[in-house]
């Protein structure tokens, strides 16, 4: 993946899935801070948006910079618990995003 892996992941989804996820991201931007069930704080500086795609659930990890939300990572959840590998990707990208600020 290139410099915007979260964008590339979103582009790989169907138009309908992108629309549903995009609506939730937009709601988060407009109404920040929001809580459960849409947004869950995972740890300091890291939140998860939960989007129901009908028969699947999408998760988008993000962080808040001074004036915007930064999408770090997204995936389709297949297990009850958030997979550690997915969380680690978001954590690593969070570290990189903080260095860039």
PDB file of N, CA and C in Angstrom:
ATOM      1  N   UNK A   1       0.840  -1.190   0.000  1.00  0.00           N
ATOM      2  CA  UNK A   1       0.000   0.000   0.000  1.00  0.00           C
ATOM      3  C   UNK A   1       0.880   1.247   0.000  1.00  0.00           C
ATOM      4  N   UNK A   2       0.307   2.343  -0.457  1.00  0.00           N
ATOM      5  CA  UNK A   2       1.061   3.580  -0.588  1.00  0.00           C
ATOM      6  C   UNK A   2       1.006   4.431   0.663  1.00  0.00           C
ATOM      7  N   UNK A   3       0.967   5.735   0.469  1.00  0.00           N
ATOM      8  CA  UNK A   3       1.017   6.680   1.579  1.00  0.00           C
ATOM      9  C   UNK A   3      -0.319   6.865   2.287  1.00  0.00           C
ATOM     10  N   UNK A   4      -1.413   6.430   1.688  1.00  0.00           N
ATOM     11  CA  UNK A   4      -2.733   6.575   2.290  1.00  0.00           C
ATOM     12  C   UNK A   4      -3.441   5.228   2.337  1.00  0.00           C
ATOM     13  N   UNK A   5      -2.945   4.307   3.162  1.00  0.00           N
ATOM     14  CA  UNK A   5      -3.513   2.956   3.172  1.00  0.00           C
ATOM     15  C   UNK A   5      -4.981   2.912   3.594  1.00  0.00           C
ATOM     16  N   UNK A   6      -5.424   3.805   4.492  1.00  0.00           N
ATOM     17  CA  UNK A   6      -6.831   3.798   4.894  1.00  0.00           C
ATOM     18  C   UNK A   6      -7.714   4.198   3.712  1.00  0.00           C
ATOM     19  N   UNK A   7      -7.276   5.192   2.942  1.00  0.00           N
ATOM     20  CA  UNK A   7      -8.025   5.606   1.748  1.00  0.00           C
ATOM     21  C   UNK A   7      -8.064   4.467   0.725  1.00  0.00           C
ATOM     22  N   UNK A   8      -6.944   3.801   0.553  1.00  0.00           N
ATOM     23  CA  UNK A   8      -6.883   2.685  -0.387  1.00  0.00           C
ATOM     24  C   UNK A   8      -7.819   1.561   0.047  1.00  0.00           C
ATOM     25  N   UNK A   9      -7.885   1.294   1.344  1.00  0.00           N
ATOM     26  CA  UNK A   9      -8.802   0.274   1.852  1.00  0.00           C
ATOM     27  C   UNK A   9     -10.238   0.672   1.547  1.00  0.00           C
ATOM     28  N   UNK A  10     -10.584   1.923   1.827  1.00  0.00           N
ATOM     29  CA  UNK A  10     -11.942   2.396   1.551  1.00  0.00           C
ATOM     30  C   UNK A  10     -12.281   2.253   0.070  1.00  0.00           C
ATOM     31  N   UNK A  11     -11.347   2.605  -0.793  1.00  0.00           N
ATOM     32  CA  UNK A  11     -11.579   2.507  -2.237  1.00  0.00           C
ATOM     33  C   UNK A  11     -11.789   1.061  -2.689  1.00  0.00           C
ATOM     34  N   UNK A  12     -11.263   0.108  -1.933  1.00  0.00           N
ATOM     35  CA  UNK A  12     -11.396  -1.301  -2.307  1.00  0.00           C
ATOM     36  C   UNK A  12     -12.785  -1.857  -1.985  1.00  0.00           C
ATOM     37  N   UNK A  13     -13.571  -1.116  -1.208  1.00  0.00           N
ATOM     38  CA  UNK A  13     -14.903  -1.567  -0.809  1.00  0.00           C
ATOM     39  C   UNK A  13     -15.939  -1.195  -1.869  1.00  0.00           C
ATOM     40  N   UNK A  14     -17.116  -1.796  -1.746  1.00  0.00           N
ATOM     41  CA  UNK A  14     -18.202  -1.465  -2.674  1.00  0.00           C
ATOM     42  C   UNK A  14     -18.664  -0.035  -2.437  1.00  0.00           C
ATOM     43  N   UNK A  15     -19.319   0.529  -3.432  1.00  0.00           N
ATOM     44  CA  UNK A  15     -19.815   1.902  -3.323  1.00  0.00           C
ATOM     45  C   UNK A  15     -20.748   2.041  -2.125  1.00  0.00           C
ATOM     46  N   UNK A  16     -21.634   1.075  -1.925  1.00  0.00           N
ATOM     47  CA  UNK A  16     -22.588   1.131  -0.807  1.00  0.00           C
ATOM     48  C   UNK A  16     -21.860   1.106   0.535  1.00  0.00           C
ATOM     49  N   UNK A  17     -20.862   0.230   0.673  1.00  0.00           N
ATOM     50  CA  UNK A  17     -20.082   0.161   1.917  1.00  0.00           C
ATOM     51  C   UNK A  17     -19.342   1.475   2.164  1.00  0.00           C
ATOM     52  N   UNK A  18     -18.733   2.033   1.106  1.00  0.00           N
ATOM     53  CA  UNK A  18     -18.035   3.318   1.245  1.00  0.00           C
ATOM     54  C   UNK A  18     -18.991   4.410   1.696  1.00  0.00           C
ATOM     55  N   UNK A  19     -20.207   4.408   1.146  1.00  0.00           N
ATOM     56  CA  UNK A  19     -21.195   5.417   1.527  1.00  0.00           C
ATOM     57  C   UNK A  19     -21.560   5.294   3.001  1.00  0.00           C
ATOM     58  N   UNK A  20     -21.813   4.076   3.464  1.00  0.00           N
ATOM     59  CA  UNK A  20     -22.202   3.866   4.863  1.00  0.00           C
ATOM     60  C   UNK A  20     -21.084   4.289   5.814  1.00  0.00           C
ATOM     61  N   UNK A  21     -19.864   3.883   5.509  1.00  0.00           N
ATOM     62  CA  UNK A  21     -18.718   4.255   6.340  1.00  0.00           C
ATOM     63  C   UNK A  21     -18.516   5.767   6.289  1.00  0.00           C
ATOM     64  N   UNK A  22     -18.617   6.339   5.088  1.00  0.00           N
ATOM     65  CA  UNK A  22     -18.459   7.779   4.928  1.00  0.00           C
ATOM     66  C   UNK A  22     -19.485   8.575   5.718  1.00  0.00           C
ATOM     67  N   UNK A  23     -20.722   8.090   5.766  1.00  0.00           N
ATOM     68  CA  UNK A  23     -21.762   8.760   6.548  1.00  0.00           C
ATOM     69  C   UNK A  23     -21.408   8.771   8.031  1.00  0.00           C
ATOM     70  N   UNK A  24     -20.876   7.656   8.524  1.00  0.00           N
ATOM     71  CA  UNK A  24     -20.492   7.591   9.935  1.00  0.00           C
ATOM     72  C   UNK A  24     -19.288   8.488  10.222  1.00  0.00           C
ATOM     73  N   UNK A  25     -18.336   8.539   9.297  1.00  0.00           N
ATOM     74  CA  UNK A  25     -17.180   9.420   9.481  1.00  0.00           C
ATOM     75  C   UNK A  25     -17.643  10.876   9.490  1.00  0.00           C
ATOM     76  N   UNK A  26     -18.540  11.212   8.580  1.00  0.00           N
ATOM     77  CA  UNK A  26     -19.063  12.581   8.522  1.00  0.00           C
ATOM     78  C   UNK A  26     -19.811  12.931   9.809  1.00  0.00           C
ATOM     79  N   UNK A  27     -20.624  12.007  10.307  1.00  0.00           N
ATOM     80  CA  UNK A  27     -21.342  12.244  11.570  1.00  0.00           C
ATOM     81  C   UNK A  27     -20.353  12.474  12.709  1.00  0.00           C
ATOM     82  N   UNK A  28     -19.251  11.718  12.713  1.00  0.00           N
ATOM     83  CA  UNK A  28     -18.227  11.886  13.746  1.00  0.00           C
ATOM     84  C   UNK A  28     -17.572  13.266  13.625  1.00  0.00           C
ATOM     85  N   UNK A  29     -17.288  13.697  12.395  1.00  0.00           N
ATOM     86  CA  UNK A  29     -16.664  15.009  12.186  1.00  0.00           C
ATOM     87  C   UNK A  29     -17.576  16.136  12.655  1.00  0.00           C
ATOM     88  N   UNK A  30     -18.846  16.037  12.303  1.00  0.00           N
ATOM     89  CA  UNK A  30     -19.799  17.101  12.629  1.00  0.00           C
ATOM     90  C   UNK A  30     -20.137  17.113  14.116  1.00  0.00           C
ATOM     91  N   UNK A  31     -20.312  15.927  14.693  1.00  0.00           N
ATOM     92  CA  UNK A  31     -20.797  15.849  16.067  1.00  0.00           C
ATOM     93  C   UNK A  31     -19.761  15.544  17.131  1.00  0.00           C
ATOM     94  N   UNK A  32     -18.484  15.592  16.761  1.00  0.00           N
ATOM     95  CA  UNK A  32     -17.422  15.212  17.699  1.00  0.00           C
ATOM     96  C   UNK A  32     -17.526  15.991  18.997  1.00  0.00           C
ATOM     97  N   UNK A  33     -17.399  15.394  20.150  1.00  0.00           N
ATOM     98  CA  UNK A  33     -17.176  13.966  20.391  1.00  0.00           C
ATOM     99  C   UNK A  33     -18.507  13.217  20.499  1.00  0.00           C
ATOM    100  N   UNK A  34     -18.581  12.073  19.893  1.00  0.00           N
ATOM    101  CA  UNK A  34     -19.720  11.172  20.004  1.00  0.00           C
ATOM    102  C   UNK A  34     -19.270   9.947  20.795  1.00  0.00           C
ATOM    103  N   UNK A  35     -20.220   9.208  21.311  1.00  0.00           N
ATOM    104  CA  UNK A  35     -19.876   8.019  22.089  1.00  0.00           C
ATOM    105  C   UNK A  35     -20.480   6.767  21.491  1.00  0.00           C
ATOM    106  N   UNK A  36     -20.650   5.795  22.334  1.00  0.00           N
ATOM    107  CA  UNK A  36     -21.223   4.512  21.939  1.00  0.00           C
ATOM    108  C   UNK A  36     -22.679   4.737  21.533  1.00  0.00           C
ATOM    109  N   UNK A  37     -23.198   3.969  20.606  1.00  0.00           N
ATOM    110  CA  UNK A  37     -22.589   2.790  19.990  1.00  0.00           C
ATOM    111  C   UNK A  37     -21.742   3.085  18.759  1.00  0.00           C
ATOM    112  N   UNK A  38     -21.736   4.320  18.264  1.00  0.00           N
ATOM    113  CA  UNK A  38     -21.006   4.601  17.029  1.00  0.00           C
ATOM    114  C   UNK A  38     -19.499   4.684  17.241  1.00  0.00           C
ATOM    115  N   UNK A  39     -19.072   5.363  18.294  1.00  0.00           N
ATOM    116  CA  UNK A  39     -17.643   5.577  18.507  1.00  0.00           C
ATOM    117  C   UNK A  39     -17.227   5.061  19.875  1.00  0.00           C
ATOM    118  N   UNK A  40     -16.137   4.327  19.877  1.00  0.00           N
ATOM    119  CA  UNK A  40     -15.600   3.785  21.126  1.00  0.00           C
ATOM    120  C   UNK A  40     -14.158   4.260  21.273  1.00  0.00           C
ATOM    121  N   UNK A  41     -13.840   4.788  22.449  1.00  0.00           N
ATOM    122  CA  UNK A  41     -12.441   5.146  22.727  1.00  0.00           C
ATOM    123  C   UNK A  41     -11.698   3.862  23.046  1.00  0.00           C
ATOM    124  N   UNK A  42     -10.649   3.606  22.287  1.00  0.00           N
ATOM    125  CA  UNK A  42      -9.886   2.371  22.457  1.00  0.00           C
ATOM    126  C   UNK A  42      -8.773   2.559  23.482  1.00  0.00           C
ATOM    127  N   UNK A  43      -8.093   3.709  23.404  1.00  0.00           N
ATOM    128  CA  UNK A  43      -7.017   4.059  24.314  1.00  0.00           C
ATOM    129  C   UNK A  43      -6.709   5.532  24.083  1.00  0.00           C
ATOM    130  N   UNK A  44      -5.849   6.134  24.864  1.00  0.00           N
ATOM    131  CA  UNK A  44      -5.590   7.568  24.683  1.00  0.00           C
ATOM    132  C   UNK A  44      -5.216   7.914  23.242  1.00  0.00           C
ATOM    133  N   UNK A  45      -5.972   8.831  22.659  1.00  0.00           N
ATOM    134  CA  UNK A  45      -5.685   9.298  21.307  1.00  0.00           C
ATOM    135  C   UNK A  45      -6.176   8.410  20.186  1.00  0.00           C
ATOM    136  N   UNK A  46      -6.858   7.304  20.513  1.00  0.00           N
ATOM    137  CA  UNK A  46      -7.286   6.353  19.488  1.00  0.00           C
ATOM    138  C   UNK A  46      -8.749   5.979  19.695  1.00  0.00           C
ATOM    139  N   UNK A  47      -9.558   6.223  18.650  1.00  0.00           N
ATOM    140  CA  UNK A  47     -10.977   5.888  18.690  1.00  0.00           C
ATOM    141  C   UNK A  47     -11.310   4.957  17.539  1.00  0.00           C
ATOM    142  N   UNK A  48     -12.476   4.289  17.668  1.00  0.00           N
ATOM    143  CA  UNK A  48     -12.937   3.349  16.664  1.00  0.00           C
ATOM    144  C   UNK A  48     -14.366   3.731  16.279  1.00  0.00           C
ATOM    145  N   UNK A  49     -14.612   3.919  14.983  1.00  0.00           N
ATOM    146  CA  UNK A  49     -15.969   4.118  14.471  1.00  0.00           C
ATOM    147  C   UNK A  49     -16.480   2.754  14.043  1.00  0.00           C
ATOM    148  N   UNK A  50     -17.708   2.447  14.452  1.00  0.00           N
ATOM    149  CA  UNK A  50     -18.312   1.156  14.129  1.00  0.00           C
ATOM    150  C   UNK A  50     -19.420   1.381  13.114  1.00  0.00           C
ATOM    151  N   UNK A  51     -19.316   0.728  11.976  1.00  0.00           N
ATOM    152  CA  UNK A  51     -20.321   0.870  10.924  1.00  0.00           C
ATOM    153  C   UNK A  51     -20.907  -0.486  10.596  1.00  0.00           C
ATOM    154  N   UNK A  52     -22.226  -0.576  10.689  1.00  0.00           N
ATOM    155  CA  UNK A  52     -22.933  -1.799  10.335  1.00  0.00           C
ATOM    156  C   UNK A  52     -23.144  -1.814   8.832  1.00  0.00           C
ATOM    157  N   UNK A  53     -22.612  -2.827   8.168  1.00  0.00           N
ATOM    158  CA  UNK A  53     -22.738  -2.961   6.722  1.00  0.00           C
ATOM    159  C   UNK A  53     -23.762  -4.036   6.362  1.00  0.00           C
ATOM    160  N   UNK A  54     -24.718  -4.256   7.224  1.00  0.00           N
ATOM    161  CA  UNK A  54     -25.721  -5.294   6.986  1.00  0.00           C
ATOM    162  C   UNK A  54     -25.261  -6.610   7.563  1.00  0.00           C
ATOM    163  N   UNK A  55     -24.587  -7.405   6.748  1.00  0.00           N
ATOM    164  CA  UNK A  55     -24.122  -8.720   7.206  1.00  0.00           C
ATOM    165  C   UNK A  55     -22.692  -8.700   7.728  1.00  0.00           C
ATOM    166  N   UNK A  56     -22.092  -7.506   7.756  1.00  0.00           N
ATOM    167  CA  UNK A  56     -20.709  -7.367   8.234  1.00  0.00           C
ATOM    168  C   UNK A  56     -20.592  -6.078   9.043  1.00  0.00           C
ATOM    169  N   UNK A  57     -19.488  -5.966   9.769  1.00  0.00           N
ATOM    170  CA  UNK A  57     -19.213  -4.761  10.560  1.00  0.00           C
ATOM    171  C   UNK A  57     -17.859  -4.208  10.138  1.00  0.00           C
ATOM    172  N   UNK A  58     -17.836  -2.906   9.828  1.00  0.00           N
ATOM    173  CA  UNK A  58     -16.565  -2.253   9.510  1.00  0.00           C
ATOM    174  C   UNK A  58     -16.106  -1.490  10.731  1.00  0.00           C
ATOM    175  N   UNK A  59     -14.805  -1.434  10.907  1.00  0.00           N
ATOM    176  CA  UNK A  59     -14.197  -0.659  11.976  1.00  0.00           C
ATOM    177  C   UNK A  59     -13.188   0.291  11.348  1.00  0.00           C
ATOM    178  N   UNK A  60     -13.245   1.543  11.760  1.00  0.00           N
ATOM    179  CA  UNK A  60     -12.296   2.539  11.284  1.00  0.00           C
ATOM    180  C   UNK A  60     -11.651   3.174  12.507  1.00  0.00           C
ATOM    181  N   UNK A  61     -10.328   3.041  12.612  1.00  0.00           N
ATOM    182  CA  UNK A  61      -9.593   3.669  13.700  1.00  0.00           C
ATOM    183  C   UNK A  61      -9.219   5.087  13.292  1.00  0.00           C
ATOM    184  N   UNK A  62      -9.329   6.014  14.239  1.00  0.00           N
ATOM    185  CA  UNK A  62      -8.983   7.398  13.953  1.00  0.00           C
ATOM    186  C   UNK A  62      -8.400   8.064  15.174  1.00  0.00           C
ATOM    187  N   UNK A  63      -7.790   9.205  14.924  1.00  0.00           N
ATOM    188  CA  UNK A  63      -7.285  10.045  15.996  1.00  0.00           C
ATOM    189  C   UNK A  63      -7.738  11.464  15.720  1.00  0.00           C
ATOM    190  N   UNK A  64      -7.629  12.317  16.703  1.00  0.00           N
ATOM    191  CA  UNK A  64      -8.045  13.712  16.571  1.00  0.00           C
ATOM    192  C   UNK A  64      -6.800  14.577  16.612  1.00  0.00           C
ATOM    193  N   UNK A  65      -6.601  15.355  15.547  1.00  0.00           N
ATOM    194  CA  UNK A  65      -5.545  16.355  15.593  1.00  0.00           C
ATOM    195  C   UNK A  65      -6.206  17.660  16.008  1.00  0.00           C
ATOM    196  N   UNK A  66      -5.490  18.736  15.968  1.00  0.00           N
ATOM    197  CA  UNK A  66      -6.009  20.018  16.434  1.00  0.00           C
ATOM    198  C   UNK A  66      -7.352  20.371  15.792  1.00  0.00           C
ATOM    199  N   UNK A  67      -7.442  20.254  14.480  1.00  0.00           N
ATOM    200  CA  UNK A  67      -8.640  20.717  13.782  1.00  0.00           C
ATOM    201  C   UNK A  67      -9.305  19.680  12.886  1.00  0.00           C
ATOM    202  N   UNK A  68      -8.914  18.416  13.005  1.00  0.00           N
ATOM    203  CA  UNK A  68      -9.509  17.403  12.136  1.00  0.00           C
ATOM    204  C   UNK A  68      -9.382  16.009  12.711  1.00  0.00           C
ATOM    205  N   UNK A  69     -10.183  15.106  12.145  1.00  0.00           N
ATOM    206  CA  UNK A  69     -10.068  13.696  12.465  1.00  0.00           C
ATOM    207  C   UNK A  69      -9.158  13.065  11.422  1.00  0.00           C
ATOM    208  N   UNK A  70      -8.282  12.179  11.858  1.00  0.00           N
ATOM    209  CA  UNK A  70      -7.337  11.523  10.958  1.00  0.00           C
ATOM    210  C   UNK A  70      -7.641  10.028  10.967  1.00  0.00           C
ATOM    211  N   UNK A  71      -8.017   9.508   9.803  1.00  0.00           N
ATOM    212  CA  UNK A  71      -8.300   8.083   9.658  1.00  0.00           C
ATOM    213  C   UNK A  71      -6.966   7.341   9.615  1.00  0.00           C
ATOM    214  N   UNK A  72      -6.814   6.373  10.505  1.00  0.00           N
ATOM    215  CA  UNK A  72      -5.555   5.631  10.605  1.00  0.00           C
ATOM    216  C   UNK A  72      -5.611   4.265   9.931  1.00  0.00           C
ATOM    217  N   UNK A  73      -6.742   3.572  10.090  1.00  0.00           N
ATOM    218  CA  UNK A  73      -6.820   2.189   9.618  1.00  0.00           C
ATOM    219  C   UNK A  73      -8.271   1.757   9.576  1.00  0.00           C
ATOM    220  N   UNK A  74      -8.596   0.881   8.657  1.00  0.00           N
ATOM    221  CA  UNK A  74      -9.933   0.322   8.591  1.00  0.00           C
ATOM    222  C   UNK A  74      -9.880  -1.151   8.247  1.00  0.00           C
ATOM    223  N   UNK A  75     -10.890  -1.888   8.695  1.00  0.00           N
ATOM    224  CA  UNK A  75     -10.968  -3.314   8.395  1.00  0.00           C
ATOM    225  C   UNK A  75     -12.392  -3.799   8.605  1.00  0.00           C
ATOM    226  N   UNK A  76     -12.689  -4.969   8.071  1.00  0.00           N
ATOM    227  CA  UNK A  76     -13.977  -5.618   8.291  1.00  0.00           C
ATOM    228  C   UNK A  76     -13.782  -6.590   9.447  1.00  0.00           C
ATOM    229  N   UNK A  77     -14.567  -6.385  10.488  1.00  0.00           N
ATOM    230  CA  UNK A  77     -14.421  -7.196  11.704  1.00  0.00           C
ATOM    231  C   UNK A  77     -15.044  -8.574  11.487  1.00  0.00           C
ATOM    232  N   UNK A  78     -14.299  -9.613  11.832  1.00  0.00           N
ATOM    233  CA  UNK A  78     -14.764 -10.983  11.625  1.00  0.00           C
ATOM    234  C   UNK A  78     -14.886 -11.765  12.921  1.00  0.00           C
ATOM    235  N   UNK A  79     -14.408 -11.170  14.015  1.00  0.00           N
ATOM    236  CA  UNK A  79     -14.480 -11.850  15.304  1.00  0.00           C
ATOM    237  C   UNK A  79     -15.115 -10.913  16.328  1.00  0.00           C
ATOM    238  N   UNK A  80     -15.512 -11.451  17.454  1.00  0.00           N
ATOM    239  CA  UNK A  80     -16.140 -10.642  18.502  1.00  0.00           C
ATOM    240  C   UNK A  80     -15.182  -9.584  19.041  1.00  0.00           C
ATOM    241  N   UNK A  81     -13.948  -9.987  19.275  1.00  0.00           N
ATOM    242  CA  UNK A  81     -12.950  -9.092  19.838  1.00  0.00           C
ATOM    243  C   UNK A  81     -12.137  -8.435  18.719  1.00  0.00           C
ATOM    244  N   UNK A  82     -11.738  -7.184  18.926  1.00  0.00           N
ATOM    245  CA  UNK A  82     -10.900  -6.502  17.941  1.00  0.00           C
ATOM    246  C   UNK A  82      -9.559  -7.229  17.847  1.00  0.00           C
ATOM    247  N   UNK A  83      -9.198  -7.695  16.650  1.00  0.00           N
ATOM    248  CA  UNK A  83      -7.927  -8.421  16.499  1.00  0.00           C
ATOM    249  C   UNK A  83      -6.736  -7.530  16.859  1.00  0.00           C
ATOM    250  N   UNK A  84      -5.823  -8.073  17.622  1.00  0.00           N
ATOM    251  CA  UNK A  84      -4.644  -7.342  18.066  1.00  0.00           C
ATOM    252  C   UNK A  84      -3.821  -6.829  16.887  1.00  0.00           C
ATOM    253  N   UNK A  85      -3.736  -7.604  15.817  1.00  0.00           N
ATOM    254  CA  UNK A  85      -2.953  -7.187  14.647  1.00  0.00           C
ATOM    255  C   UNK A  85      -3.534  -5.903  14.046  1.00  0.00           C
ATOM    256  N   UNK A  86      -4.854  -5.790  14.006  1.00  0.00           N
ATOM    257  CA  UNK A  86      -5.500  -4.584  13.463  1.00  0.00           C
ATOM    258  C   UNK A  86      -5.243  -3.390  14.387  1.00  0.00           C
ATOM    259  N   UNK A  87      -5.317  -3.621  15.682  1.00  0.00           N
ATOM    260  CA  UNK A  87      -5.065  -2.569  16.659  1.00  0.00           C
ATOM    261  C   UNK A  87      -3.609  -2.096  16.576  1.00  0.00           C
ATOM    262  N   UNK A  88      -2.693  -3.016  16.371  1.00  0.00           N
ATOM    263  CA  UNK A  88      -1.274  -2.664  16.252  1.00  0.00           C
ATOM    264  C   UNK A  88      -1.003  -1.797  15.026  1.00  0.00           C
ATOM    265  N   UNK A  89      -1.687  -2.097  13.916  1.00  0.00           N
ATOM    266  CA  UNK A  89      -1.534  -1.264  12.717  1.00  0.00           C
ATOM    267  C   UNK A  89      -1.956   0.163  13.046  1.00  0.00           C
ATOM    268  N   UNK A  90      -3.102   0.311  13.707  1.00  0.00           N
ATOM    269  CA  UNK A  90      -3.597   1.639  14.076  1.00  0.00           C
ATOM    270  C   UNK A  90      -2.638   2.336  15.035  1.00  0.00           C
ATOM    271  N   UNK A  91      -2.116   1.604  16.000  1.00  0.00           N
ATOM    272  CA  UNK A  91      -1.162   2.197  16.954  1.00  0.00           C
ATOM    273  C   UNK A  91       0.092   2.702  16.246  1.00  0.00           C
ATOM    274  N   UNK A  92       0.615   1.901  15.323  1.00  0.00           N
ATOM    275  CA  UNK A  92       1.817   2.305  14.592  1.00  0.00           C
ATOM    276  C   UNK A  92       1.560   3.542  13.734  1.00  0.00           C
ATOM    277  N   UNK A  93       0.404   3.586  13.100  1.00  0.00           N
ATOM    278  CA  UNK A  93       0.071   4.746  12.274  1.00  0.00           C
ATOM    279  C   UNK A  93      -0.186   5.980  13.145  1.00  0.00           C
ATOM    280  N   UNK A  94      -0.702   5.762  14.351  1.00  0.00           N
ATOM    281  CA  UNK A  94      -0.909   6.859  15.281  1.00  0.00           C
ATOM    282  C   UNK A  94       0.440   7.483  15.656  1.00  0.00           C
ATOM    283  N   UNK A  95       1.429   6.623  15.939  1.00  0.00           N
ATOM    284  CA  UNK A  95       2.771   7.132  16.248  1.00  0.00           C
ATOM    285  C   UNK A  95       3.329   7.958  15.102  1.00  0.00           C
ATOM    286  N   UNK A  96       3.159   7.462  13.875  1.00  0.00           N
ATOM    287  CA  UNK A  96       3.635   8.179  12.700  1.00  0.00           C
ATOM    288  C   UNK A  96       2.901   9.500  12.523  1.00  0.00           C
ATOM    289  N   UNK A  97       1.586   9.500  12.743  1.00  0.00           N
ATOM    290  CA  UNK A  97       0.778  10.721  12.614  1.00  0.00           C
ATOM    291  C   UNK A  97       1.204  11.767  13.637  1.00  0.00           C
ATOM    292  N   UNK A  98       1.515  11.322  14.852  1.00  0.00           N
ATOM    293  CA  UNK A  98       1.944  12.270  15.901  1.00  0.00           C
ATOM    294  C   UNK A  98       3.276  12.899  15.557  1.00  0.00           C
ATOM    295  N   UNK A  99       4.175  12.118  14.923  1.00  0.00           N
ATOM    296  CA  UNK A  99       5.476  12.662  14.512  1.00  0.00           C
ATOM    297  C   UNK A  99       5.305  13.734  13.452  1.00  0.00           C
ATOM    298  N   UNK A 100       4.271  13.569  12.606  1.00  0.00           N
ATOM    299  CA  UNK A 100       4.030  14.518  11.524  1.00  0.00           C
ATOM    300  C   UNK A 100       3.397  15.811  11.973  1.00  0.00           C
ATOM    301  N   UNK A 101       2.856  15.864  13.191  1.00  0.00           N
ATOM    302  CA  UNK A 101       2.195  17.086  13.683  1.00  0.00           C
ATOM    303  C   UNK A 101       3.174  18.094  14.202  1.00  0.00           C
TER     304      UNK A 101
END
